[in-house]
């Protein structure tokens, strides 16, 4: 028999999903920023290596 009244926990589920998406997006952005920073460092190192040769 279904429960009477409002549904249980729907606000918390929506809030949890929102927070988890925010967390995952932040991790993704941090990972991409790290990749870009490393790529720039490697590129600069390669350029300086070409100049030395």
PDB file of N, CA and C in Angstrom:
ATOM      1  N   UNK A   1       0.830  -1.172   0.000  1.00  0.00           N
ATOM      2  CA  UNK A   1       0.000   0.000   0.000  1.00  0.00           C
ATOM      3  C   UNK A   1       0.889   1.256   0.000  1.00  0.00           C
ATOM      4  N   UNK A   2       0.645   2.196  -0.917  1.00  0.00           N
ATOM      5  CA  UNK A   2       1.503   3.375  -0.987  1.00  0.00           C
ATOM      6  C   UNK A   2       1.358   4.271   0.236  1.00  0.00           C
ATOM      7  N   UNK A   3       2.413   5.027   0.493  1.00  0.00           N
ATOM      8  CA  UNK A   3       2.400   5.932   1.638  1.00  0.00           C
ATOM      9  C   UNK A   3       1.531   7.138   1.332  1.00  0.00           C
ATOM     10  N   UNK A   4       0.924   7.677   2.351  1.00  0.00           N
ATOM     11  CA  UNK A   4       0.125   8.884   2.199  1.00  0.00           C
ATOM     12  C   UNK A   4       0.989  10.086   2.545  1.00  0.00           C
ATOM     13  N   UNK A   5       0.652  11.243   1.972  1.00  0.00           N
ATOM     14  CA  UNK A   5       1.404  12.455   2.252  1.00  0.00           C
ATOM     15  C   UNK A   5       2.448  12.704   1.178  1.00  0.00           C
ATOM     16  N   UNK A   6       3.375  13.594   1.497  1.00  0.00           N
ATOM     17  CA  UNK A   6       4.380  13.944   0.484  1.00  0.00           C
ATOM     18  C   UNK A   6       5.418  12.836   0.331  1.00  0.00           C
ATOM     19  N   UNK A   7       6.083  12.842  -0.809  1.00  0.00           N
ATOM     20  CA  UNK A   7       7.096  11.828  -1.073  1.00  0.00           C
ATOM     21  C   UNK A   7       8.278  12.012  -0.126  1.00  0.00           C
ATOM     22  N   UNK A   8       8.910  10.938   0.202  1.00  0.00           N
ATOM     23  CA  UNK A   8      10.028  10.970   1.133  1.00  0.00           C
ATOM     24  C   UNK A   8      11.317  11.373   0.410  1.00  0.00           C
ATOM     25  N   UNK A   9      12.033  12.314   0.984  1.00  0.00           N
ATOM     26  CA  UNK A   9      13.418  12.576   0.637  1.00  0.00           C
ATOM     27  C   UNK A   9      13.665  13.126  -0.767  1.00  0.00           C
ATOM     28  N   UNK A  10      12.691  13.681  -1.451  1.00  0.00           N
ATOM     29  CA  UNK A  10      12.946  14.151  -2.817  1.00  0.00           C
ATOM     30  C   UNK A  10      13.814  15.399  -2.822  1.00  0.00           C
ATOM     31  N   UNK A  11      13.663  16.275  -1.843  1.00  0.00           N
ATOM     32  CA  UNK A  11      14.484  17.484  -1.790  1.00  0.00           C
ATOM     33  C   UNK A  11      15.941  17.127  -1.543  1.00  0.00           C
ATOM     34  N   UNK A  12      16.174  16.206  -0.643  1.00  0.00           N
ATOM     35  CA  UNK A  12      17.549  15.824  -0.340  1.00  0.00           C
ATOM     36  C   UNK A  12      18.210  15.149  -1.522  1.00  0.00           C
ATOM     37  N   UNK A  13      17.457  14.343  -2.265  1.00  0.00           N
ATOM     38  CA  UNK A  13      18.030  13.665  -3.432  1.00  0.00           C
ATOM     39  C   UNK A  13      18.448  14.683  -4.483  1.00  0.00           C
ATOM     40  N   UNK A  14      17.590  15.683  -4.717  1.00  0.00           N
ATOM     41  CA  UNK A  14      17.901  16.712  -5.705  1.00  0.00           C
ATOM     42  C   UNK A  14      19.120  17.511  -5.261  1.00  0.00           C
ATOM     43  N   UNK A  15      19.186  17.836  -3.981  1.00  0.00           N
ATOM     44  CA  UNK A  15      20.315  18.603  -3.455  1.00  0.00           C
ATOM     45  C   UNK A  15      21.605  17.795  -3.554  1.00  0.00           C
ATOM     46  N   UNK A  16      21.519  16.526  -3.230  1.00  0.00           N
ATOM     47  CA  UNK A  16      22.689  15.651  -3.295  1.00  0.00           C
ATOM     48  C   UNK A  16      23.199  15.550  -4.728  1.00  0.00           C
ATOM     49  N   UNK A  17      22.285  15.372  -5.672  1.00  0.00           N
ATOM     50  CA  UNK A  17      22.670  15.279  -7.085  1.00  0.00           C
ATOM     51  C   UNK A  17      23.357  16.558  -7.532  1.00  0.00           C
ATOM     52  N   UNK A  18      22.785  17.697  -7.132  1.00  0.00           N
ATOM     53  CA  UNK A  18      23.359  18.992  -7.497  1.00  0.00           C
ATOM     54  C   UNK A  18      24.770  19.133  -6.935  1.00  0.00           C
ATOM     55  N   UNK A  19      24.949  18.781  -5.685  1.00  0.00           N
ATOM     56  CA  UNK A  19      26.260  18.905  -5.053  1.00  0.00           C
ATOM     57  C   UNK A  19      27.275  17.946  -5.662  1.00  0.00           C
ATOM     58  N   UNK A  20      26.842  16.738  -5.976  1.00  0.00           N
ATOM     59  CA  UNK A  20      27.749  15.767  -6.579  1.00  0.00           C
ATOM     60  C   UNK A  20      28.175  16.213  -7.973  1.00  0.00           C
ATOM     61  N   UNK A  21      27.253  16.782  -8.754  1.00  0.00           N
ATOM     62  CA  UNK A  21      27.595  17.293 -10.075  1.00  0.00           C
ATOM     63  C   UNK A  21      28.588  18.441  -9.963  1.00  0.00           C
ATOM     64  N   UNK A  22      28.390  19.311  -8.970  1.00  0.00           N
ATOM     65  CA  UNK A  22      29.308  20.417  -8.759  1.00  0.00           C
ATOM     66  C   UNK A  22      30.709  19.886  -8.431  1.00  0.00           C
ATOM     67  N   UNK A  23      30.754  18.864  -7.575  1.00  0.00           N
ATOM     68  CA  UNK A  23      32.032  18.264  -7.184  1.00  0.00           C
ATOM     69  C   UNK A  23      32.730  17.636  -8.393  1.00  0.00           C
ATOM     70  N   UNK A  24      31.983  16.874  -9.191  1.00  0.00           N
ATOM     71  CA  UNK A  24      32.567  16.216 -10.356  1.00  0.00           C
ATOM     72  C   UNK A  24      33.049  17.226 -11.381  1.00  0.00           C
ATOM     73  N   UNK A  25      32.278  18.299 -11.587  1.00  0.00           N
ATOM     74  CA  UNK A  25      32.689  19.335 -12.533  1.00  0.00           C
ATOM     75  C   UNK A  25      33.960  20.036 -12.064  1.00  0.00           C
ATOM     76  N   UNK A  26      34.067  20.251 -10.746  1.00  0.00           N
ATOM     77  CA  UNK A  26      35.262  20.883 -10.204  1.00  0.00           C
ATOM     78  C   UNK A  26      36.479  19.989 -10.417  1.00  0.00           C
ATOM     79  N   UNK A  27      36.328  18.690 -10.154  1.00  0.00           N
ATOM     80  CA  UNK A  27      37.427  17.751 -10.354  1.00  0.00           C
ATOM     81  C   UNK A  27      37.847  17.711 -11.820  1.00  0.00           C
ATOM     82  N   UNK A  28      36.863  17.696 -12.728  1.00  0.00           N
ATOM     83  CA  UNK A  28      37.142  17.694 -14.158  1.00  0.00           C
ATOM     84  C   UNK A  28      37.915  18.949 -14.562  1.00  0.00           C
ATOM     85  N   UNK A  29      37.464  20.105 -14.073  1.00  0.00           N
ATOM     86  CA  UNK A  29      38.117  21.373 -14.416  1.00  0.00           C
ATOM     87  C   UNK A  29      39.544  21.402 -13.874  1.00  0.00           C
ATOM     88  N   UNK A  30      39.736  20.916 -12.649  1.00  0.00           N
ATOM     89  CA  UNK A  30      41.076  20.881 -12.070  1.00  0.00           C
ATOM     90  C   UNK A  30      41.999  19.970 -12.874  1.00  0.00           C
ATOM     91  N   UNK A  31      41.467  18.845 -13.297  1.00  0.00           N
ATOM     92  CA  UNK A  31      42.265  17.895 -14.076  1.00  0.00           C
ATOM     93  C   UNK A  31      42.675  18.508 -15.417  1.00  0.00           C
ATOM     94  N   UNK A  32      41.742  19.191 -16.080  1.00  0.00           N
ATOM     95  CA  UNK A  32      42.047  19.835 -17.355  1.00  0.00           C
ATOM     96  C   UNK A  32      43.061  20.959 -17.175  1.00  0.00           C
ATOM     97  N   UNK A  33      42.937  21.725 -16.072  1.00  0.00           N
ATOM     98  CA  UNK A  33      43.878  22.810 -15.806  1.00  0.00           C
ATOM     99  C   UNK A  33      45.275  22.255 -15.578  1.00  0.00           C
ATOM    100  N   UNK A  34      45.363  21.150 -14.872  1.00  0.00           N
ATOM    101  CA  UNK A  34      46.659  20.522 -14.627  1.00  0.00           C
ATOM    102  C   UNK A  34      47.279  20.047 -15.928  1.00  0.00           C
ATOM    103  N   UNK A  35      46.458  19.425 -16.787  1.00  0.00           N
ATOM    104  CA  UNK A  35      46.956  18.971 -18.090  1.00  0.00           C
ATOM    105  C   UNK A  35      47.489  20.138 -18.907  1.00  0.00           C
ATOM    106  N   UNK A  36      46.745  21.240 -18.925  1.00  0.00           N
ATOM    107  CA  UNK A  36      47.149  22.411 -19.700  1.00  0.00           C
ATOM    108  C   UNK A  36      48.449  22.997 -19.150  1.00  0.00           C
ATOM    109  N   UNK A  37      48.558  23.055 -17.822  1.00  0.00           N
ATOM    110  CA  UNK A  37      49.768  23.589 -17.207  1.00  0.00           C
ATOM    111  C   UNK A  37      50.985  22.727 -17.537  1.00  0.00           C
ATOM    112  N   UNK A  38      50.827  21.406 -17.444  1.00  0.00           N
ATOM    113  CA  UNK A  38      51.921  20.500 -17.765  1.00  0.00           C
ATOM    114  C   UNK A  38      52.307  20.594 -19.239  1.00  0.00           C
ATOM    115  N   UNK A  39      51.299  20.714 -20.097  1.00  0.00           N
ATOM    116  CA  UNK A  39      51.560  20.830 -21.529  1.00  0.00           C
ATOM    117  C   UNK A  39      52.374  22.084 -21.819  1.00  0.00           C
ATOM    118  N   UNK A  40      52.037  23.191 -21.148  1.00  0.00           N
ATOM    119  CA  UNK A  40      52.771  24.440 -21.340  1.00  0.00           C
ATOM    120  C   UNK A  40      54.213  24.301 -20.854  1.00  0.00           C
ATOM    121  N   UNK A  41      54.412  23.623 -19.740  1.00  0.00           N
ATOM    122  CA  UNK A  41      55.761  23.424 -19.206  1.00  0.00           C
ATOM    123  C   UNK A  41      56.595  22.588 -20.165  1.00  0.00           C
ATOM    124  N   UNK A  42      56.010  21.506 -20.680  1.00  0.00           N
ATOM    125  CA  UNK A  42      56.725  20.642 -21.620  1.00  0.00           C
ATOM    126  C   UNK A  42      57.068  21.396 -22.896  1.00  0.00           C
ATOM    127  N   UNK A  43      56.132  22.184 -23.386  1.00  0.00           N
ATOM    128  CA  UNK A  43      56.359  22.950 -24.607  1.00  0.00           C
ATOM    129  C   UNK A  43      57.492  23.956 -24.395  1.00  0.00           C
ATOM    130  N   UNK A  44      57.494  24.627 -23.250  1.00  0.00           N
ATOM    131  CA  UNK A  44      58.547  25.590 -22.954  1.00  0.00           C
ATOM    132  C   UNK A  44      59.905  24.890 -22.833  1.00  0.00           C
ATOM    133  N   UNK A  45      59.913  23.718 -22.228  1.00  0.00           N
ATOM    134  CA  UNK A  45      61.154  22.953 -22.084  1.00  0.00           C
ATOM    135  C   UNK A  45      61.678  22.525 -23.462  1.00  0.00           C
ATOM    136  N   UNK A  46      60.789  22.096 -24.326  1.00  0.00           N
ATOM    137  CA  UNK A  46      61.184  21.692 -25.678  1.00  0.00           C
ATOM    138  C   UNK A  46      61.751  22.876 -26.472  1.00  0.00           C
ATOM    139  N   UNK A  47      61.132  24.046 -26.325  1.00  0.00           N
ATOM    140  CA  UNK A  47      61.620  25.226 -27.021  1.00  0.00           C
ATOM    141  C   UNK A  47      63.015  25.602 -26.538  1.00  0.00           C
ATOM    142  N   UNK A  48      63.204  25.562 -25.241  1.00  0.00           N
ATOM    143  CA  UNK A  48      64.531  25.921 -24.710  1.00  0.00           C
ATOM    144  C   UNK A  48      65.568  24.881 -25.109  1.00  0.00           C
ATOM    145  N   UNK A  49      65.142  23.636 -25.245  1.00  0.00           N
ATOM    146  CA  UNK A  49      66.057  22.575 -25.680  1.00  0.00           C
ATOM    147  C   UNK A  49      66.484  22.810 -27.130  1.00  0.00           C
ATOM    148  N   UNK A  50      65.557  23.264 -27.987  1.00  0.00           N
ATOM    149  CA  UNK A  50      65.876  23.551 -29.384  1.00  0.00           C
ATOM    150  C   UNK A  50      66.851  24.717 -29.482  1.00  0.00           C
ATOM    151  N   UNK A  51      66.683  25.706 -28.620  1.00  0.00           N
ATOM    152  CA  UNK A  51      67.553  26.876 -28.626  1.00  0.00           C
ATOM    153  C   UNK A  51      68.965  26.475 -28.214  1.00  0.00           C
ATOM    154  N   UNK A  52      69.089  25.576 -27.242  1.00  0.00           N
ATOM    155  CA  UNK A  52      70.398  25.134 -26.771  1.00  0.00           C
ATOM    156  C   UNK A  52      71.154  24.336 -27.825  1.00  0.00           C
ATOM    157  N   UNK A  53      70.447  23.631 -28.674  1.00  0.00           N
ATOM    158  CA  UNK A  53      71.103  22.774 -29.686  1.00  0.00           C
ATOM    159  C   UNK A  53      71.702  23.566 -30.759  1.00  0.00           C
TER     160      UNK A  53
END
